[in-house]
Amino acid sequence: MPGAAADPAYRILVFSRTTGFRHSSIDEGVTALRDLGAANNFTVDATEDPAAFTTANLARYRSVVFLSTTGDVLGAAQQTALEQYMGSGGGYVGIHAAADTEYDWPFYEGLAGALFQSHPAIQPATVEVEDRAHDATAHLAGTWQRTDEWYNYRTNPRTTAHVLASLDESSYSGGSMSGDHPIAWCKDYAGGRAFYTGGGHTEESYADPAFRRHLLGGIRWAAGTTKADCRPETGYTPLFDGTGTTGWKQAGPGGFTLADGTLTSHGGLGLLWYDAREFTGDYSLKLDWKLNGDDNSGVFVGFPASDDPWSAVDNGYEIQIDATDAADRTTGSVYGFRSADLDARDAALNPPGEWNTYEIRVTGERLEVFLNGRKINDFTNTDPARSLAQGHIGLGKCLDASGGTWEDGTPVHLWTCHTGPNQKWTLP
């Protein structure tokens, strides 16, 4: 498969003015961002001058990075310029003390997602990665061990932002967010894109390759060079906890192995289906998936309970995952019935080797498919034998029609359920 193309050249503005506490790591942060820019085709302009915030000047930049800013750093005219910049599709990246900034400006609180309340001493903690389909977290495993200064926030951003990673409050002392402690998130905001990470207090953070890659992913997404589903996830219930397959049943040959909260398919034409519940009425199903190459898999909805995997094929609908095939049989299609919008699909799709997010939304007999937050298919069932009004869901393995052999190695990362409402493969 062809490799991902290099990002087109762009510029970012790094702003690190402080009127409160000043972090000694700011210089290391600027250096790290310049290094990332040199290696990834973007130019960094660093400043502490609020006069840089004019409509004309901000228009030069694909994203603006607030690097451990503190206090009131912008005047009224400059605040208006930033609001207009976001409204025209701009990008914002907040690092660490960016949450300790502009407490009296409601627009900025919404932009950052949450504001600083307190912090314990610098110490190691376990970061639980909730979304591996975002470029800022795609390189991480299910958990990430880091030492930093861990902020508590005045509000929980989960209801307004898409949480990418959270803290396991049992792994350190001083967490005060009742066990649901987001630490990195993204959101569509006021017409633009906003990303925040709570890491970055220490100088050592900016020499850490994993943290640098985390920052790069946030910058790339805020700049619009990568796609991700950054809508809040509320009202969902986990169907898979990452530690076992209770409630799930294998039909037919083959199967799925479980490691690091990820199910990986193997063997023949089988179906792992959720037999604990039949879904009726309207619902939304979310999952992360990844291909290793030109693999073949899919997600089935709307089929009756059966130990025969062909029941799902004959009585339900498959939302396909396949890097190459006919238009109505490749990624994003309702297999054999409706092709995805291929231009929209290609614009949103991450390549083999990287995670993607599906939302499969059923409303009556209407089936909508969203890839990394972008709608790529809209299909309405008219066949009574395949009614979407009730049925089960499942993960399928398909025959490789081109070679006549069974495809292997298509991981489907459903989610590791943590303390609090952190989940994928979810339903309202």
Protein backbone atom coordinates (compact mmCIF):
# COMPACT_ATOMS: atom_id res chain seq x y z
CA MET A 1 0.00 0.00 0.00
CA PRO A 2 1.32 3.51 -0.72
CA GLY A 3 2.70 5.43 2.25
CA ALA A 4 1.09 8.56 3.61
CA ALA A 5 2.00 11.71 1.71
CA ALA A 6 3.97 14.42 3.48
CA ASP A 7 1.95 17.27 4.94
CA PRO A 8 1.80 20.41 2.83
CA ALA A 9 3.94 23.22 4.22
CA TYR A 10 2.27 25.51 6.75
CA ARG A 11 3.05 27.87 9.63
CA ILE A 12 2.10 27.84 13.30
CA LEU A 13 2.31 30.62 15.89
CA VAL A 14 3.68 29.66 19.31
CA PHE A 15 2.60 32.09 22.03
CA SER A 16 4.11 31.85 25.53
CA ARG A 17 3.37 35.12 27.29
CA THR A 18 2.96 34.86 31.08
CA THR A 19 1.48 37.38 33.51
CA GLY A 20 1.34 34.85 36.35
CA PHE A 21 3.59 31.91 37.16
CA ARG A 22 6.27 31.33 34.54
CA HIS A 23 7.29 27.79 33.66
CA SER A 24 11.00 27.17 33.30
CA SER A 25 10.20 24.61 30.58
CA ILE A 26 8.95 27.19 28.05
CA ASP A 27 12.32 27.46 26.30
CA GLU A 28 12.53 23.67 25.99
CA GLY A 29 8.98 23.66 24.66
CA VAL A 30 9.76 26.20 21.94
CA THR A 31 12.85 24.22 20.95
CA ALA A 32 10.87 20.98 20.75
CA LEU A 33 8.20 22.60 18.59
CA ARG A 34 10.83 24.04 16.25
CA ASP A 35 12.41 20.58 15.96
CA LEU A 36 9.03 19.04 15.17
CA GLY A 37 8.40 21.71 12.56
CA ALA A 38 11.74 21.15 10.86
CA ALA A 39 11.03 17.42 10.64
CA ASN A 40 7.37 17.71 9.61
CA ASN A 41 7.17 20.56 7.11
CA PHE A 42 5.80 23.37 9.26
CA THR A 43 7.43 26.63 10.30
CA VAL A 44 7.30 27.90 13.87
CA ASP A 45 7.05 31.59 14.69
CA ALA A 46 7.46 32.02 18.45
CA THR A 47 6.45 35.20 20.27
CA GLU A 48 5.38 36.63 23.62
CA ASP A 49 4.05 39.81 22.04
CA PRO A 50 0.23 40.00 22.12
CA ALA A 51 0.41 42.44 19.20
CA ALA A 52 0.77 39.33 17.01
CA PHE A 53 -2.96 38.74 17.52
CA THR A 54 -4.47 40.72 14.68
CA THR A 55 -6.87 39.41 12.08
CA ALA A 56 -4.35 39.86 9.28
CA ASN A 57 -1.45 38.26 11.11
CA LEU A 58 -3.36 35.26 12.46
CA ALA A 59 -4.58 34.50 8.95
CA ARG A 60 -1.00 33.44 8.14
CA TYR A 61 -1.16 30.48 10.53
CA ARG A 62 -2.85 27.10 10.42
CA SER A 63 -2.79 26.84 14.21
CA VAL A 64 -1.90 28.90 17.26
CA VAL A 65 -0.15 27.17 20.18
CA PHE A 66 -0.57 28.53 23.70
CA LEU A 67 2.56 27.15 25.39
CA SER A 68 2.16 27.37 29.19
CA THR A 69 0.70 30.85 29.05
CA THR A 70 -0.61 32.15 32.39
CA GLY A 71 -2.91 34.95 33.46
CA ASP A 72 -4.44 37.63 31.24
CA VAL A 73 -2.30 37.60 28.13
CA LEU A 74 -4.50 39.31 25.51
CA GLY A 75 -6.33 42.63 25.37
CA ALA A 76 -9.88 43.08 24.14
CA ALA A 77 -8.95 43.72 20.50
CA GLN A 78 -6.59 40.76 20.50
CA GLN A 79 -9.25 38.51 22.00
CA THR A 80 -11.62 39.54 19.22
CA ALA A 81 -8.98 38.69 16.64
CA LEU A 82 -8.55 35.18 18.10
CA GLU A 83 -12.31 34.67 18.15
CA GLN A 84 -12.51 35.68 14.49
CA TYR A 85 -9.56 33.44 13.66
CA MET A 86 -11.29 30.41 15.18
CA GLY A 87 -14.53 31.37 13.47
CA SER A 88 -12.79 31.27 10.11
CA GLY A 89 -11.60 27.69 10.69
CA GLY A 90 -8.41 28.23 12.66
CA GLY A 91 -6.68 25.79 14.99
CA TYR A 92 -5.77 26.08 18.67
CA VAL A 93 -3.33 23.94 20.67
CA GLY A 94 -3.13 24.41 24.43
CA ILE A 95 -0.20 22.97 26.36
CA HIS A 96 -0.21 22.57 30.16
CA ALA A 97 -0.67 26.04 31.72
CA ALA A 98 -2.71 27.18 28.74
CA ALA A 99 -5.49 26.08 31.12
CA ASP A 100 -4.20 28.63 33.68
CA THR A 101 -5.00 31.51 31.35
CA GLU A 102 -7.73 34.12 30.74
CA TYR A 103 -10.12 33.16 33.55
CA ASP A 104 -12.43 36.09 32.83
CA TRP A 105 -12.90 35.39 29.13
CA PRO A 106 -15.69 32.81 28.61
CA PHE A 107 -14.73 32.19 24.98
CA TYR A 108 -11.26 31.09 26.05
CA GLU A 109 -12.58 28.72 28.72
CA GLY A 110 -14.60 27.01 26.00
CA LEU A 111 -11.58 27.00 23.69
CA ALA A 112 -9.27 25.39 26.24
CA GLY A 113 -12.04 23.03 27.37
CA ALA A 114 -11.41 23.42 31.11
CA LEU A 115 -9.45 25.74 33.41
CA PHE A 116 -6.89 24.96 36.11
CA GLN A 117 -7.93 24.48 39.71
CA SER A 118 -4.98 22.92 41.57
CA HIS A 119 -2.14 20.43 41.31
CA PRO A 120 -0.24 18.05 43.56
CA ALA A 121 3.55 17.58 43.51
CA ILE A 122 5.27 16.38 40.35
CA GLN A 123 5.05 12.57 40.33
CA PRO A 124 4.60 9.58 38.02
CA ALA A 125 1.08 8.56 37.03
CA THR A 126 -0.70 6.22 34.65
CA VAL A 127 -2.30 7.90 31.65
CA GLU A 128 -5.14 5.83 30.21
CA VAL A 129 -5.44 6.28 26.45
CA GLU A 130 -9.09 6.45 25.45
CA ASP A 131 -8.76 7.03 21.70
CA ARG A 132 -6.01 5.58 19.55
CA ALA A 133 -7.55 6.83 16.31
CA HIS A 134 -6.45 10.43 16.94
CA ASP A 135 -3.02 11.42 15.64
CA ALA A 136 -2.03 12.67 19.11
CA THR A 137 -2.51 9.26 20.71
CA ALA A 138 -2.22 6.77 17.83
CA HIS A 139 1.38 5.95 18.77
CA LEU A 140 0.50 5.00 22.35
CA ALA A 141 -0.55 1.74 23.96
CA GLY A 142 -3.58 1.46 26.21
CA THR A 143 -1.68 3.00 29.10
CA TRP A 144 1.16 5.51 29.20
CA GLN A 145 3.46 5.94 32.19
CA ARG A 146 4.60 9.56 32.60
CA THR A 147 6.01 11.89 35.23
CA ASP A 148 4.57 15.41 35.17
CA GLU A 149 2.64 17.97 37.17
CA TRP A 150 -0.92 16.73 36.96
CA TYR A 151 -3.58 19.43 36.90
CA ASN A 152 -7.01 19.20 38.47
CA TYR A 153 -9.55 21.21 36.48
CA ARG A 154 -12.47 23.35 37.61
CA THR A 155 -14.88 21.48 35.37
CA ASN A 156 -14.86 18.13 33.60
CA PRO A 157 -14.48 18.71 29.84
CA ARG A 158 -16.00 15.36 28.89
CA THR A 159 -19.45 16.77 28.18
CA THR A 160 -18.16 19.34 25.67
CA ALA A 161 -14.97 17.76 24.28
CA HIS A 162 -13.80 14.39 23.03
CA VAL A 163 -11.43 12.94 25.64
CA LEU A 164 -8.30 11.36 24.21
CA ALA A 165 -6.59 10.39 27.46
CA SER A 166 -7.33 10.49 31.17
CA LEU A 167 -5.49 9.93 34.44
CA ASP A 168 -5.85 6.88 36.64
CA GLU A 169 -6.28 8.73 39.91
CA SER A 170 -5.41 5.56 41.86
CA SER A 171 -1.90 5.63 40.33
CA TYR A 172 -0.80 8.87 42.03
CA SER A 173 -1.66 11.18 44.92
CA GLY A 174 -3.64 14.39 44.67
CA GLY A 175 -6.19 13.78 41.95
CA SER A 176 -9.49 15.43 42.83
CA MET A 177 -11.82 14.73 39.91
CA SER A 178 -13.70 11.78 41.41
CA GLY A 179 -12.07 9.16 39.22
CA ASP A 180 -12.97 10.68 35.85
CA HIS A 181 -9.94 12.84 35.12
CA PRO A 182 -9.42 13.85 31.47
CA ILE A 183 -5.91 15.07 30.69
CA ALA A 184 -5.96 15.47 26.87
CA TRP A 185 -8.90 16.24 24.60
CA CYS A 186 -10.02 17.76 21.31
CA LYS A 187 -13.14 19.53 20.13
CA ASP A 188 -14.66 21.39 17.24
CA TYR A 189 -15.16 24.89 18.59
CA ALA A 190 -16.62 28.10 17.20
CA GLY A 191 -15.89 27.05 13.62
CA GLY A 192 -12.33 25.85 14.27
CA ARG A 193 -10.43 23.01 15.95
CA ALA A 194 -9.14 23.01 19.54
CA PHE A 195 -6.72 20.52 21.15
CA TYR A 196 -5.41 20.57 24.71
CA THR A 197 -2.95 18.44 26.67
CA GLY A 198 -2.25 18.80 30.37
CA GLY A 199 1.30 17.49 30.10
CA GLY A 200 4.36 19.66 29.63
CA HIS A 201 5.28 21.16 33.00
CA THR A 202 8.75 19.66 33.18
CA GLU A 203 11.76 20.35 30.97
CA GLU A 204 12.17 16.60 30.56
CA SER A 205 8.77 16.31 28.89
CA TYR A 206 10.02 18.06 25.78
CA ALA A 207 12.88 15.60 25.31
CA ASP A 208 10.52 12.60 25.57
CA PRO A 209 9.86 11.19 22.07
CA ALA A 210 6.39 9.95 23.03
CA PHE A 211 5.36 13.34 24.41
CA ARG A 212 6.81 15.11 21.37
CA ARG A 213 4.79 12.80 19.11
CA HIS A 214 1.73 13.58 21.21
CA LEU A 215 2.26 17.30 20.61
CA LEU A 216 2.85 16.74 16.90
CA GLY A 217 -0.42 14.88 16.58
CA GLY A 218 -2.29 17.70 18.29
CA ILE A 219 -0.68 20.29 16.05
CA ARG A 220 -1.37 18.32 12.88
CA TRP A 221 -5.02 17.82 13.79
CA ALA A 222 -5.51 21.47 14.79
CA ALA A 223 -3.89 22.50 11.51
CA GLY A 224 -6.34 20.31 9.60
CA THR A 225 -3.77 17.92 8.10
CA THR A 226 -5.28 14.88 9.85
CA LYS A 227 -8.89 13.96 10.58
CA ALA A 228 -10.46 12.64 13.76
CA ASP A 229 -13.84 12.35 15.44
CA CYS A 230 -13.69 15.03 18.14
CA ARG A 231 -17.37 15.11 19.02
CA PRO A 232 -18.15 14.55 22.71
CA GLU A 233 -19.11 11.02 23.68
CA THR A 234 -21.96 11.17 26.17
CA GLY A 235 -24.84 8.80 26.81
CA TYR A 236 -22.91 5.71 25.70
CA THR A 237 -22.55 2.33 27.45
CA PRO A 238 -19.61 -0.09 26.97
CA LEU A 239 -20.20 -3.37 25.19
CA PHE A 240 -16.58 -4.51 25.57
CA ASP A 241 -14.26 -3.78 28.51
CA GLY A 242 -10.96 -4.76 26.91
CA THR A 243 -10.37 -7.67 29.31
CA GLY A 244 -12.76 -10.31 28.01
CA THR A 245 -15.63 -11.01 25.66
CA THR A 246 -18.47 -11.51 28.14
CA GLY A 247 -21.72 -10.99 26.25
CA TRP A 248 -20.11 -11.87 22.92
CA LYS A 249 -20.38 -15.15 21.04
CA GLN A 250 -18.40 -16.67 18.17
CA ALA A 251 -20.37 -18.08 15.24
CA GLY A 252 -18.58 -20.09 12.58
CA PRO A 253 -14.84 -20.73 12.14
CA GLY A 254 -11.93 -18.48 13.01
CA GLY A 255 -12.01 -16.11 15.92
CA PHE A 256 -10.49 -13.08 17.62
CA THR A 257 -7.51 -12.90 19.97
CA LEU A 258 -7.45 -10.32 22.76
CA ALA A 259 -4.35 -8.37 23.78
CA ASP A 260 -3.89 -4.83 25.11
CA GLY A 261 -7.60 -4.06 24.85
CA THR A 262 -7.58 -4.97 21.16
CA LEU A 263 -9.35 -7.79 19.33
CA THR A 264 -7.45 -9.15 16.32
CA SER A 265 -9.20 -11.39 13.84
CA HIS A 266 -7.80 -14.72 12.67
CA GLY A 267 -8.97 -17.73 10.68
CA GLY A 268 -11.95 -18.27 8.48
CA LEU A 269 -15.41 -16.90 7.79
CA GLY A 270 -16.72 -16.35 11.30
CA LEU A 271 -18.64 -13.73 13.23
CA LEU A 272 -18.13 -12.42 16.75
CA TRP A 273 -21.56 -11.12 17.68
CA TYR A 274 -23.07 -9.46 20.73
CA ASP A 275 -25.69 -11.91 21.97
CA ALA A 276 -26.33 -10.22 25.32
CA ARG A 277 -28.78 -7.78 23.78
CA GLU A 278 -30.82 -7.23 20.65
CA PHE A 279 -31.00 -3.56 19.72
CA THR A 280 -34.31 -1.99 18.82
CA GLY A 281 -35.17 1.55 17.88
CA ASP A 282 -32.57 4.22 17.24
CA TYR A 283 -28.95 3.81 18.37
CA SER A 284 -25.38 4.88 17.69
CA LEU A 285 -22.49 2.40 17.67
CA LYS A 286 -18.85 3.54 17.89
CA LEU A 287 -15.63 1.61 17.46
CA ASP A 288 -11.99 2.03 16.49
CA TRP A 289 -10.44 -0.22 13.84
CA LYS A 290 -7.15 -0.66 12.04
CA LEU A 291 -6.00 -2.58 8.97
CA ASN A 292 -2.48 -3.97 8.76
CA GLY A 293 -2.58 -3.98 4.96
CA ASP A 294 -5.12 -5.03 2.34
CA ASP A 295 -7.21 -6.90 4.91
CA ASN A 296 -10.92 -7.65 4.85
CA SER A 297 -13.36 -7.28 7.72
CA GLY A 298 -16.56 -5.46 8.59
CA VAL A 299 -19.19 -4.53 11.15
CA PHE A 300 -22.64 -6.14 10.90
CA VAL A 301 -25.87 -4.62 12.18
CA GLY A 302 -29.55 -5.57 12.15
CA PHE A 303 -29.38 -9.38 12.01
CA PRO A 304 -31.26 -12.00 14.08
CA ALA A 305 -29.63 -14.20 16.71
CA SER A 306 -28.01 -17.22 15.08
CA ASP A 307 -25.00 -19.51 15.37
CA ASP A 308 -24.71 -19.39 11.57
CA PRO A 309 -22.49 -16.45 10.47
CA TRP A 310 -24.32 -16.37 7.14
CA SER A 311 -27.43 -15.17 8.97
CA ALA A 312 -25.75 -11.80 9.41
CA VAL A 313 -24.84 -11.71 5.71
CA ASP A 314 -28.31 -12.71 4.52
CA ASN A 315 -30.44 -10.76 7.01
CA GLY A 316 -28.35 -7.77 8.10
CA TYR A 317 -26.03 -5.15 6.67
CA GLU A 318 -22.24 -5.04 6.71
CA ILE A 319 -20.34 -1.77 6.94
CA GLN A 320 -17.19 -2.80 5.14
CA ILE A 321 -13.54 -2.46 6.13
CA ASP A 322 -11.34 -3.30 3.14
CA ALA A 323 -8.51 -1.24 1.69
CA THR A 324 -9.15 -2.28 -1.93
CA ASP A 325 -12.25 -3.64 -3.67
CA ALA A 326 -15.17 -2.48 -5.78
CA ALA A 327 -16.78 0.77 -4.70
CA ASP A 328 -19.72 -0.97 -3.00
CA ARG A 329 -17.38 -3.44 -1.26
CA THR A 330 -14.64 -1.28 0.18
CA THR A 331 -14.19 0.75 3.35
CA GLY A 332 -17.27 2.75 4.26
CA SER A 333 -19.65 0.93 1.95
CA VAL A 334 -22.83 -0.83 2.97
CA TYR A 335 -21.50 -4.03 1.45
CA GLY A 336 -23.14 -4.84 -1.86
CA PHE A 337 -25.80 -2.14 -1.49
CA ARG A 338 -24.28 1.35 -1.42
CA SER A 339 -20.82 2.77 -1.97
CA ALA A 340 -19.45 5.35 0.41
CA ASP A 341 -18.92 8.90 -0.82
CA LEU A 342 -15.41 8.04 -1.95
CA ASP A 343 -14.09 11.62 -1.95
CA ALA A 344 -15.36 12.17 1.59
CA ARG A 345 -14.08 8.75 2.63
CA ASP A 346 -10.59 9.34 1.22
CA ALA A 347 -10.38 12.79 2.83
CA ALA A 348 -11.16 11.33 6.26
CA LEU A 349 -9.42 7.94 6.04
CA ASN A 350 -6.21 7.12 7.90
CA PRO A 351 -4.09 4.58 5.98
CA PRO A 352 -3.38 0.93 6.87
CA GLY A 353 -1.35 0.77 10.07
CA GLU A 354 -3.25 3.67 11.68
CA TRP A 355 -6.48 3.65 13.68
CA ASN A 356 -9.81 4.94 12.40
CA THR A 357 -13.13 5.59 14.15
CA TYR A 358 -16.53 4.49 12.87
CA GLU A 359 -19.83 5.77 14.13
CA ILE A 360 -22.68 3.68 12.75
CA ARG A 361 -25.96 5.47 13.41
CA VAL A 362 -29.33 3.72 13.00
CA THR A 363 -32.45 5.88 12.90
CA GLY A 364 -35.48 3.82 11.95
CA GLU A 365 -34.51 2.23 8.62
CA ARG A 366 -31.83 4.84 7.95
CA LEU A 367 -28.18 3.81 8.30
CA GLU A 368 -25.51 6.56 8.44
CA VAL A 369 -21.77 5.90 8.57
CA PHE A 370 -19.28 8.42 9.95
CA LEU A 371 -15.52 7.94 9.49
CA ASN A 372 -13.31 9.94 11.85
CA GLY A 373 -16.21 12.31 12.42
CA ARG A 374 -17.13 12.83 8.76
CA LYS A 375 -20.28 11.34 7.23
CA ILE A 376 -19.35 9.07 4.32
CA ASN A 377 -22.50 7.02 3.74
CA ASP A 378 -26.26 7.48 4.08
CA PHE A 379 -28.41 4.45 3.23
CA THR A 380 -32.10 3.71 3.77
CA ASN A 381 -33.30 0.11 3.95
CA THR A 382 -36.46 -0.81 2.03
CA ASP A 383 -36.24 -4.61 2.42
CA PRO A 384 -38.54 -5.94 5.20
CA ALA A 385 -36.35 -9.03 5.53
CA ARG A 386 -33.41 -6.82 6.51
CA SER A 387 -35.22 -4.37 8.79
CA LEU A 388 -32.89 -2.25 10.92
CA ALA A 389 -35.65 -1.75 13.49
CA GLN A 390 -34.24 -4.62 15.55
CA GLY A 391 -31.26 -6.94 15.48
CA HIS A 392 -27.83 -7.76 16.78
CA ILE A 393 -24.38 -6.35 15.99
CA GLY A 394 -21.19 -8.24 15.21
CA LEU A 395 -17.66 -8.24 13.83
CA GLY A 396 -17.17 -10.31 10.71
CA LYS A 397 -14.44 -12.01 8.71
CA CYS A 398 -14.85 -12.20 4.94
CA LEU A 399 -13.52 -14.29 2.07
CA ASP A 400 -10.88 -12.57 -0.03
CA ALA A 401 -12.63 -12.82 -3.40
CA SER A 402 -9.49 -11.92 -5.33
CA GLY A 403 -7.29 -14.67 -3.95
CA GLY A 404 -9.72 -17.22 -2.57
CA THR A 405 -7.95 -17.30 0.80
CA TRP A 406 -9.05 -16.16 4.23
CA GLU A 407 -7.72 -12.79 5.27
CA ASP A 408 -6.06 -12.43 8.69
CA GLY A 409 -4.75 -9.72 10.94
CA THR A 410 -7.43 -7.04 11.01
CA PRO A 411 -7.35 -5.57 14.52
CA VAL A 412 -10.52 -3.98 15.85
CA HIS A 413 -9.83 -1.95 18.97
CA LEU A 414 -13.12 -1.74 20.82
CA TRP A 415 -12.09 -0.16 24.09
CA THR A 416 -10.67 -0.77 27.51
CA CYS A 417 -13.27 0.46 29.99
CA HIS A 418 -11.75 2.58 32.74
CA THR A 419 -13.24 4.02 35.90
CA GLY A 420 -15.76 6.52 34.69
CA PRO A 421 -17.66 6.78 31.39
CA ASN A 422 -14.77 6.01 29.05
CA GLN A 423 -15.79 3.63 26.32
CA LYS A 424 -16.04 2.66 22.70
CA TRP A 425 -18.29 0.10 21.01
CA THR A 426 -21.05 2.01 22.68
CA LEU A 427 -24.77 2.57 22.58
CA PRO A 428 -27.10 5.14 24.11
